[in-house]
Amino acid sequence: MENEDSSASDLIDARIAALGGWRGATLARMRTLIAEAEPEVIETVKWRKPSNPLGVPVWERGGILCTGEVYKDKVKLTFAKGASLDDPARLFNASLDGNTRRAIDLFEGDSIDAAAFRALVREAVAANAVKKPRG
């Protein structure tokens, strides 16, 4: 895993540690699956503010693949180009009405099909590799 900002991985580590419990474990598990699917993924942290100094973990490769937002009741993985990705396992279960993004909401006790998730990450990498013609 590469870092755009040398402290990005440290910030994500701190975010996971600060969360603890099932939310920290879930975010850590999804981070591992992302790295397994795309070893050259770049970790960044965006949208840092006083109320969230550790920011939102973001995984990129040729653009944003997905973000890892954490809420009181869920961990949300939002795929930037999710609406255009093939999702035969039907992992997307949130933000289904938009034209661009799709998300996976994971609640306490949820499990995910690891192979299907890694395939989805690889789809996102492929989608970012396709450049739209200018016109």
N, C-alpha and C. Protein backbone atom coordinates (compact mmCIF):
# COMPACT_ATOMS: atom_id res chain seq x y z
N MET A 1 0.84 -1.17 0.00
CA MET A 1 0.00 0.00 0.00
C MET A 1 0.89 1.24 0.00
N GLU A 2 0.57 2.17 -0.87
CA GLU A 2 1.33 3.40 -0.94
C GLU A 2 0.54 4.52 -0.26
N ASN A 3 1.24 5.58 0.07
CA ASN A 3 0.59 6.73 0.69
C ASN A 3 0.89 7.99 -0.09
N GLU A 4 -0.14 8.77 -0.34
CA GLU A 4 0.08 10.09 -0.94
C GLU A 4 0.70 10.98 0.11
N ASP A 5 0.21 10.88 1.31
CA ASP A 5 0.69 11.65 2.45
C ASP A 5 1.24 10.61 3.41
N SER A 6 2.50 10.75 3.80
CA SER A 6 3.12 9.72 4.63
C SER A 6 2.36 9.48 5.93
N SER A 7 1.56 10.44 6.36
CA SER A 7 0.82 10.27 7.60
C SER A 7 -0.58 9.71 7.38
N ALA A 8 -0.98 9.49 6.13
CA ALA A 8 -2.34 9.02 5.87
C ALA A 8 -2.60 7.66 6.53
N SER A 9 -1.70 6.73 6.35
CA SER A 9 -1.88 5.41 6.97
C SER A 9 -1.88 5.52 8.49
N ASP A 10 -1.04 6.41 9.02
CA ASP A 10 -1.03 6.61 10.47
C ASP A 10 -2.36 7.18 10.96
N LEU A 11 -2.92 8.11 10.19
CA LEU A 11 -4.22 8.68 10.56
C LEU A 11 -5.32 7.63 10.51
N ILE A 12 -5.26 6.76 9.50
CA ILE A 12 -6.25 5.69 9.41
C ILE A 12 -6.06 4.71 10.56
N ASP A 13 -4.81 4.38 10.88
CA ASP A 13 -4.54 3.53 12.05
C ASP A 13 -5.14 4.15 13.31
N ALA A 14 -4.93 5.46 13.48
CA ALA A 14 -5.45 6.17 14.66
C ALA A 14 -6.97 6.16 14.67
N ARG A 15 -7.58 6.32 13.50
CA ARG A 15 -9.04 6.32 13.41
C ARG A 15 -9.59 4.96 13.83
N ILE A 16 -8.97 3.90 13.35
CA ILE A 16 -9.40 2.54 13.70
C ILE A 16 -9.24 2.31 15.20
N ALA A 17 -8.11 2.73 15.74
CA ALA A 17 -7.85 2.55 17.17
C ALA A 17 -8.83 3.35 18.02
N ALA A 18 -9.12 4.60 17.58
CA ALA A 18 -10.05 5.44 18.33
C ALA A 18 -11.46 4.87 18.31
N LEU A 19 -11.84 4.25 17.21
CA LEU A 19 -13.18 3.67 17.11
C LEU A 19 -13.31 2.47 18.02
N GLY A 20 -12.31 1.58 17.96
CA GLY A 20 -12.39 0.36 18.73
C GLY A 20 -13.64 -0.43 18.37
N GLY A 21 -13.95 -1.42 19.15
CA GLY A 21 -15.19 -2.18 18.99
C GLY A 21 -15.42 -2.70 17.58
N TRP A 22 -16.68 -2.98 17.29
CA TRP A 22 -17.02 -3.59 16.00
C TRP A 22 -16.78 -2.64 14.84
N ARG A 23 -16.96 -1.32 15.06
CA ARG A 23 -16.75 -0.37 13.95
C ARG A 23 -15.28 -0.32 13.55
N GLY A 24 -14.38 -0.28 14.53
CA GLY A 24 -12.96 -0.29 14.23
C GLY A 24 -12.54 -1.59 13.55
N ALA A 25 -13.06 -2.71 14.05
CA ALA A 25 -12.73 -4.01 13.46
C ALA A 25 -13.26 -4.11 12.03
N THR A 26 -14.45 -3.58 11.79
CA THR A 26 -15.03 -3.61 10.45
C THR A 26 -14.23 -2.75 9.48
N LEU A 27 -13.88 -1.54 9.90
CA LEU A 27 -13.10 -0.66 9.03
C LEU A 27 -11.73 -1.29 8.74
N ALA A 28 -11.11 -1.89 9.75
CA ALA A 28 -9.82 -2.54 9.56
C ALA A 28 -9.94 -3.71 8.58
N ARG A 29 -10.99 -4.49 8.71
CA ARG A 29 -11.21 -5.64 7.81
C ARG A 29 -11.39 -5.17 6.37
N MET A 30 -12.19 -4.14 6.16
CA MET A 30 -12.44 -3.65 4.81
C MET A 30 -11.16 -3.06 4.22
N ARG A 31 -10.38 -2.40 5.04
CA ARG A 31 -9.09 -1.85 4.59
C ARG A 31 -8.19 -2.97 4.10
N THR A 32 -8.15 -4.08 4.84
CA THR A 32 -7.34 -5.23 4.45
C THR A 32 -7.83 -5.80 3.12
N LEU A 33 -9.13 -5.94 2.95
CA LEU A 33 -9.67 -6.48 1.70
C LEU A 33 -9.36 -5.57 0.51
N ILE A 34 -9.41 -4.26 0.73
CA ILE A 34 -9.08 -3.31 -0.34
C ILE A 34 -7.62 -3.50 -0.76
N ALA A 35 -6.72 -3.61 0.22
CA ALA A 35 -5.29 -3.79 -0.08
C ALA A 35 -5.03 -5.13 -0.76
N GLU A 36 -5.78 -6.16 -0.38
CA GLU A 36 -5.63 -7.46 -1.04
C GLU A 36 -6.07 -7.39 -2.50
N ALA A 37 -7.15 -6.65 -2.75
CA ALA A 37 -7.68 -6.54 -4.11
C ALA A 37 -6.79 -5.69 -4.99
N GLU A 38 -6.20 -4.64 -4.42
CA GLU A 38 -5.36 -3.71 -5.19
C GLU A 38 -4.14 -3.34 -4.36
N PRO A 39 -3.06 -4.13 -4.49
CA PRO A 39 -1.86 -3.88 -3.68
C PRO A 39 -1.26 -2.48 -3.89
N GLU A 40 -1.52 -1.84 -5.01
CA GLU A 40 -0.97 -0.52 -5.27
C GLU A 40 -1.93 0.61 -4.89
N VAL A 41 -2.92 0.28 -4.09
CA VAL A 41 -3.87 1.30 -3.64
C VAL A 41 -3.12 2.38 -2.85
N ILE A 42 -3.58 3.58 -2.98
CA ILE A 42 -3.00 4.71 -2.23
C ILE A 42 -4.01 5.12 -1.17
N GLU A 43 -3.56 5.17 0.07
CA GLU A 43 -4.41 5.62 1.16
C GLU A 43 -4.24 7.12 1.34
N THR A 44 -5.36 7.81 1.42
CA THR A 44 -5.35 9.22 1.74
C THR A 44 -6.41 9.47 2.81
N VAL A 45 -6.40 10.66 3.34
CA VAL A 45 -7.42 11.06 4.31
C VAL A 45 -7.93 12.41 3.85
N LYS A 46 -9.24 12.53 3.75
CA LYS A 46 -9.85 13.77 3.29
C LYS A 46 -10.88 14.25 4.32
N TRP A 47 -11.29 15.47 4.13
CA TRP A 47 -12.36 16.08 4.91
C TRP A 47 -12.07 16.10 6.41
N ARG A 48 -10.84 16.49 6.75
CA ARG A 48 -10.48 16.67 8.16
C ARG A 48 -11.04 18.00 8.63
N LYS A 49 -11.60 18.00 9.83
CA LYS A 49 -12.15 19.21 10.42
C LYS A 49 -12.11 19.07 11.94
N PRO A 50 -12.33 20.15 12.66
CA PRO A 50 -12.23 20.07 14.12
C PRO A 50 -13.10 18.97 14.74
N SER A 51 -14.28 18.74 14.19
CA SER A 51 -15.16 17.70 14.74
C SER A 51 -14.70 16.30 14.34
N ASN A 52 -13.82 16.19 13.34
CA ASN A 52 -13.31 14.91 12.89
C ASN A 52 -11.84 15.09 12.46
N PRO A 53 -10.94 15.31 13.44
CA PRO A 53 -9.55 15.61 13.10
C PRO A 53 -8.82 14.48 12.38
N LEU A 54 -9.31 13.25 12.49
CA LEU A 54 -8.67 12.12 11.82
C LEU A 54 -9.18 11.97 10.39
N GLY A 55 -10.24 12.70 10.04
CA GLY A 55 -10.75 12.69 8.67
C GLY A 55 -11.40 11.38 8.25
N VAL A 56 -11.65 11.30 6.94
CA VAL A 56 -12.30 10.13 6.35
C VAL A 56 -11.25 9.36 5.54
N PRO A 57 -11.07 8.08 5.83
CA PRO A 57 -10.15 7.27 5.03
C PRO A 57 -10.64 7.19 3.58
N VAL A 58 -9.71 7.33 2.64
CA VAL A 58 -10.03 7.26 1.23
C VAL A 58 -8.99 6.36 0.56
N TRP A 59 -9.47 5.47 -0.29
CA TRP A 59 -8.58 4.58 -1.03
C TRP A 59 -8.65 4.98 -2.49
N GLU A 60 -7.47 5.20 -3.09
CA GLU A 60 -7.40 5.70 -4.45
C GLU A 60 -6.48 4.86 -5.31
N ARG A 61 -6.79 4.83 -6.57
CA ARG A 61 -5.93 4.24 -7.61
C ARG A 61 -6.46 4.80 -8.93
N GLY A 62 -5.79 5.81 -9.45
CA GLY A 62 -6.27 6.47 -10.66
C GLY A 62 -7.50 7.31 -10.40
N GLY A 63 -7.71 7.69 -9.16
CA GLY A 63 -8.90 8.40 -8.71
C GLY A 63 -9.45 7.70 -7.48
N ILE A 64 -10.47 8.25 -6.90
CA ILE A 64 -11.05 7.65 -5.69
C ILE A 64 -11.74 6.33 -6.04
N LEU A 65 -11.39 5.30 -5.29
CA LEU A 65 -12.09 4.02 -5.38
C LEU A 65 -13.27 4.04 -4.43
N CYS A 66 -12.95 4.26 -3.14
CA CYS A 66 -14.03 4.32 -2.15
C CYS A 66 -13.56 5.06 -0.91
N THR A 67 -14.54 5.47 -0.13
CA THR A 67 -14.28 6.13 1.14
C THR A 67 -14.80 5.23 2.26
N GLY A 68 -14.27 5.41 3.45
CA GLY A 68 -14.69 4.61 4.60
C GLY A 68 -15.22 5.51 5.70
N GLU A 69 -16.49 5.84 5.60
CA GLU A 69 -17.11 6.71 6.60
C GLU A 69 -17.63 5.86 7.75
N VAL A 70 -17.57 6.41 8.95
CA VAL A 70 -18.03 5.68 10.13
C VAL A 70 -19.08 6.51 10.84
N TYR A 71 -20.20 5.86 11.13
CA TYR A 71 -21.31 6.49 11.84
C TYR A 71 -21.57 5.70 13.11
N LYS A 72 -22.45 6.20 13.93
CA LYS A 72 -22.76 5.57 15.20
C LYS A 72 -23.22 4.12 15.01
N ASP A 73 -24.01 3.88 13.96
CA ASP A 73 -24.62 2.57 13.78
C ASP A 73 -24.09 1.78 12.59
N LYS A 74 -23.11 2.34 11.83
CA LYS A 74 -22.66 1.62 10.64
C LYS A 74 -21.30 2.11 10.18
N VAL A 75 -20.69 1.28 9.34
CA VAL A 75 -19.51 1.65 8.56
C VAL A 75 -19.99 1.69 7.12
N LYS A 76 -19.77 2.81 6.44
CA LYS A 76 -20.25 3.00 5.07
C LYS A 76 -19.07 3.11 4.13
N LEU A 77 -19.04 2.23 3.14
CA LEU A 77 -18.03 2.27 2.09
C LEU A 77 -18.71 2.79 0.84
N THR A 78 -18.35 4.00 0.45
CA THR A 78 -18.98 4.63 -0.71
C THR A 78 -18.02 4.56 -1.89
N PHE A 79 -18.47 3.95 -2.96
CA PHE A 79 -17.68 3.83 -4.18
C PHE A 79 -18.01 4.99 -5.10
N ALA A 80 -16.98 5.74 -5.47
CA ALA A 80 -17.15 6.97 -6.25
C ALA A 80 -17.87 6.73 -7.58
N LYS A 81 -17.58 5.62 -8.23
CA LYS A 81 -18.21 5.30 -9.52
C LYS A 81 -19.08 4.05 -9.40
N GLY A 82 -19.64 3.85 -8.23
CA GLY A 82 -20.39 2.63 -7.95
C GLY A 82 -21.52 2.32 -8.89
N ALA A 83 -22.21 3.35 -9.38
CA ALA A 83 -23.36 3.12 -10.25
C ALA A 83 -22.95 2.46 -11.57
N SER A 84 -21.69 2.62 -11.96
CA SER A 84 -21.24 2.04 -13.22
C SER A 84 -20.52 0.70 -13.04
N LEU A 85 -20.43 0.21 -11.81
CA LEU A 85 -19.71 -1.03 -11.55
C LEU A 85 -20.63 -2.24 -11.60
N ASP A 86 -20.06 -3.35 -12.07
CA ASP A 86 -20.77 -4.62 -12.07
C ASP A 86 -20.78 -5.15 -10.64
N ASP A 87 -21.95 -5.44 -10.10
CA ASP A 87 -22.08 -5.91 -8.72
C ASP A 87 -22.96 -7.16 -8.68
N PRO A 88 -22.48 -8.28 -9.26
CA PRO A 88 -23.32 -9.47 -9.33
C PRO A 88 -23.69 -10.04 -7.96
N ALA A 89 -22.86 -9.80 -6.95
CA ALA A 89 -23.17 -10.31 -5.61
C ALA A 89 -24.12 -9.38 -4.86
N ARG A 90 -24.47 -8.26 -5.46
CA ARG A 90 -25.40 -7.29 -4.87
C ARG A 90 -24.93 -6.81 -3.50
N LEU A 91 -23.66 -6.40 -3.46
CA LEU A 91 -23.11 -5.88 -2.21
C LEU A 91 -23.63 -4.48 -1.91
N PHE A 92 -23.87 -3.69 -2.96
CA PHE A 92 -24.37 -2.33 -2.73
C PHE A 92 -25.76 -2.41 -2.11
N ASN A 93 -25.92 -1.71 -0.99
CA ASN A 93 -27.21 -1.70 -0.31
C ASN A 93 -27.62 -0.31 0.15
N ALA A 94 -26.90 0.72 -0.33
CA ALA A 94 -27.20 2.10 0.07
C ALA A 94 -26.85 3.04 -1.08
N SER A 95 -27.44 4.22 -1.05
CA SER A 95 -27.22 5.23 -2.09
C SER A 95 -27.51 4.66 -3.46
N LEU A 96 -28.58 3.89 -3.56
CA LEU A 96 -28.89 3.19 -4.80
C LEU A 96 -29.61 4.06 -5.83
N ASP A 97 -30.07 5.22 -5.43
CA ASP A 97 -30.86 6.05 -6.35
C ASP A 97 -30.03 7.10 -7.08
N GLY A 98 -28.75 7.21 -6.77
CA GLY A 98 -27.91 8.21 -7.43
C GLY A 98 -27.42 7.73 -8.79
N ASN A 99 -26.92 8.66 -9.58
CA ASN A 99 -26.41 8.33 -10.91
C ASN A 99 -24.94 7.96 -10.92
N THR A 100 -24.23 8.22 -9.82
CA THR A 100 -22.79 8.02 -9.82
C THR A 100 -22.34 7.07 -8.71
N ARG A 101 -22.60 7.43 -7.47
CA ARG A 101 -22.07 6.67 -6.33
C ARG A 101 -23.01 5.54 -5.91
N ARG A 102 -22.42 4.55 -5.26
CA ARG A 102 -23.15 3.49 -4.58
C ARG A 102 -22.39 3.19 -3.31
N ALA A 103 -23.09 2.68 -2.30
CA ALA A 103 -22.44 2.42 -1.02
C ALA A 103 -22.83 1.06 -0.46
N ILE A 104 -21.97 0.60 0.43
CA ILE A 104 -22.22 -0.61 1.20
C ILE A 104 -22.27 -0.18 2.66
N ASP A 105 -23.42 -0.35 3.29
CA ASP A 105 -23.56 -0.07 4.72
C ASP A 105 -23.39 -1.38 5.47
N LEU A 106 -22.47 -1.39 6.41
CA LEU A 106 -22.23 -2.55 7.25
C LEU A 106 -22.60 -2.21 8.69
N PHE A 107 -23.50 -3.00 9.24
CA PHE A 107 -23.97 -2.80 10.61
C PHE A 107 -23.35 -3.86 11.51
N GLU A 108 -23.42 -3.65 12.80
CA GLU A 108 -22.85 -4.59 13.75
C GLU A 108 -23.36 -6.00 13.47
N GLY A 109 -22.45 -6.94 13.39
CA GLY A 109 -22.83 -8.33 13.15
C GLY A 109 -22.88 -8.71 11.68
N ASP A 110 -22.83 -7.73 10.78
CA ASP A 110 -22.86 -8.02 9.34
C ASP A 110 -21.56 -8.69 8.91
N SER A 111 -21.67 -9.53 7.91
CA SER A 111 -20.48 -10.08 7.26
C SER A 111 -20.57 -9.70 5.79
N ILE A 112 -19.46 -9.87 5.09
CA ILE A 112 -19.45 -9.53 3.67
C ILE A 112 -18.73 -10.64 2.93
N ASP A 113 -19.14 -10.88 1.72
CA ASP A 113 -18.49 -11.86 0.86
C ASP A 113 -17.16 -11.25 0.43
N ALA A 114 -16.07 -11.74 1.03
CA ALA A 114 -14.75 -11.14 0.80
C ALA A 114 -14.34 -11.20 -0.67
N ALA A 115 -14.57 -12.32 -1.32
CA ALA A 115 -14.18 -12.46 -2.73
C ALA A 115 -14.98 -11.49 -3.60
N ALA A 116 -16.26 -11.35 -3.33
CA ALA A 116 -17.09 -10.43 -4.11
C ALA A 116 -16.67 -8.98 -3.86
N PHE A 117 -16.30 -8.66 -2.62
CA PHE A 117 -15.85 -7.30 -2.32
C PHE A 117 -14.54 -7.00 -3.03
N ARG A 118 -13.59 -7.93 -2.99
CA ARG A 118 -12.34 -7.72 -3.70
C ARG A 118 -12.58 -7.54 -5.20
N ALA A 119 -13.51 -8.31 -5.77
CA ALA A 119 -13.85 -8.16 -7.19
C ALA A 119 -14.42 -6.78 -7.46
N LEU A 120 -15.23 -6.27 -6.54
CA LEU A 120 -15.81 -4.94 -6.69
C LEU A 120 -14.73 -3.87 -6.67
N VAL A 121 -13.75 -4.01 -5.79
CA VAL A 121 -12.63 -3.07 -5.74
C VAL A 121 -11.86 -3.11 -7.06
N ARG A 122 -11.62 -4.31 -7.57
CA ARG A 122 -10.92 -4.42 -8.86
C ARG A 122 -11.73 -3.78 -9.99
N GLU A 123 -13.05 -3.90 -9.94
CA GLU A 123 -13.92 -3.23 -10.91
C GLU A 123 -13.75 -1.71 -10.82
N ALA A 124 -13.66 -1.21 -9.60
CA ALA A 124 -13.50 0.24 -9.40
C ALA A 124 -12.16 0.71 -9.95
N VAL A 125 -11.11 -0.09 -9.77
CA VAL A 125 -9.80 0.24 -10.32
C VAL A 125 -9.89 0.29 -11.84
N ALA A 126 -10.54 -0.70 -12.43
CA ALA A 126 -10.68 -0.74 -13.89
C ALA A 126 -11.48 0.45 -14.40
N ALA A 127 -12.53 0.82 -13.67
CA ALA A 127 -13.35 1.96 -14.08
C ALA A 127 -12.53 3.26 -14.05
N ASN A 128 -11.66 3.39 -13.05
CA ASN A 128 -10.81 4.59 -12.98
C ASN A 128 -9.77 4.61 -14.09
N ALA A 129 -9.40 3.45 -14.59
CA ALA A 129 -8.37 3.38 -15.64
C ALA A 129 -8.93 3.80 -17.00
N VAL A 130 -10.25 3.76 -17.16
CA VAL A 130 -10.86 4.16 -18.43
C VAL A 130 -11.01 5.67 -18.44
N LYS A 131 -10.35 6.29 -19.39
CA LYS A 131 -10.42 7.76 -19.50
C LYS A 131 -11.49 8.13 -20.51
N LYS A 132 -12.37 9.02 -20.11
CA LYS A 132 -13.40 9.49 -21.02
C LYS A 132 -12.79 10.44 -22.04
N PRO A 133 -13.18 10.30 -23.30
CA PRO A 133 -12.65 11.24 -24.31
C PRO A 133 -13.15 12.64 -24.05
N ARG A 134 -12.27 13.59 -24.28
CA ARG A 134 -12.68 14.99 -24.13
C ARG A 134 -13.43 15.42 -25.37
N GLY A 135 -14.43 16.23 -25.15
CA GLY A 135 -15.16 16.63 -26.33
C GLY A 135 -16.10 17.64 -26.05
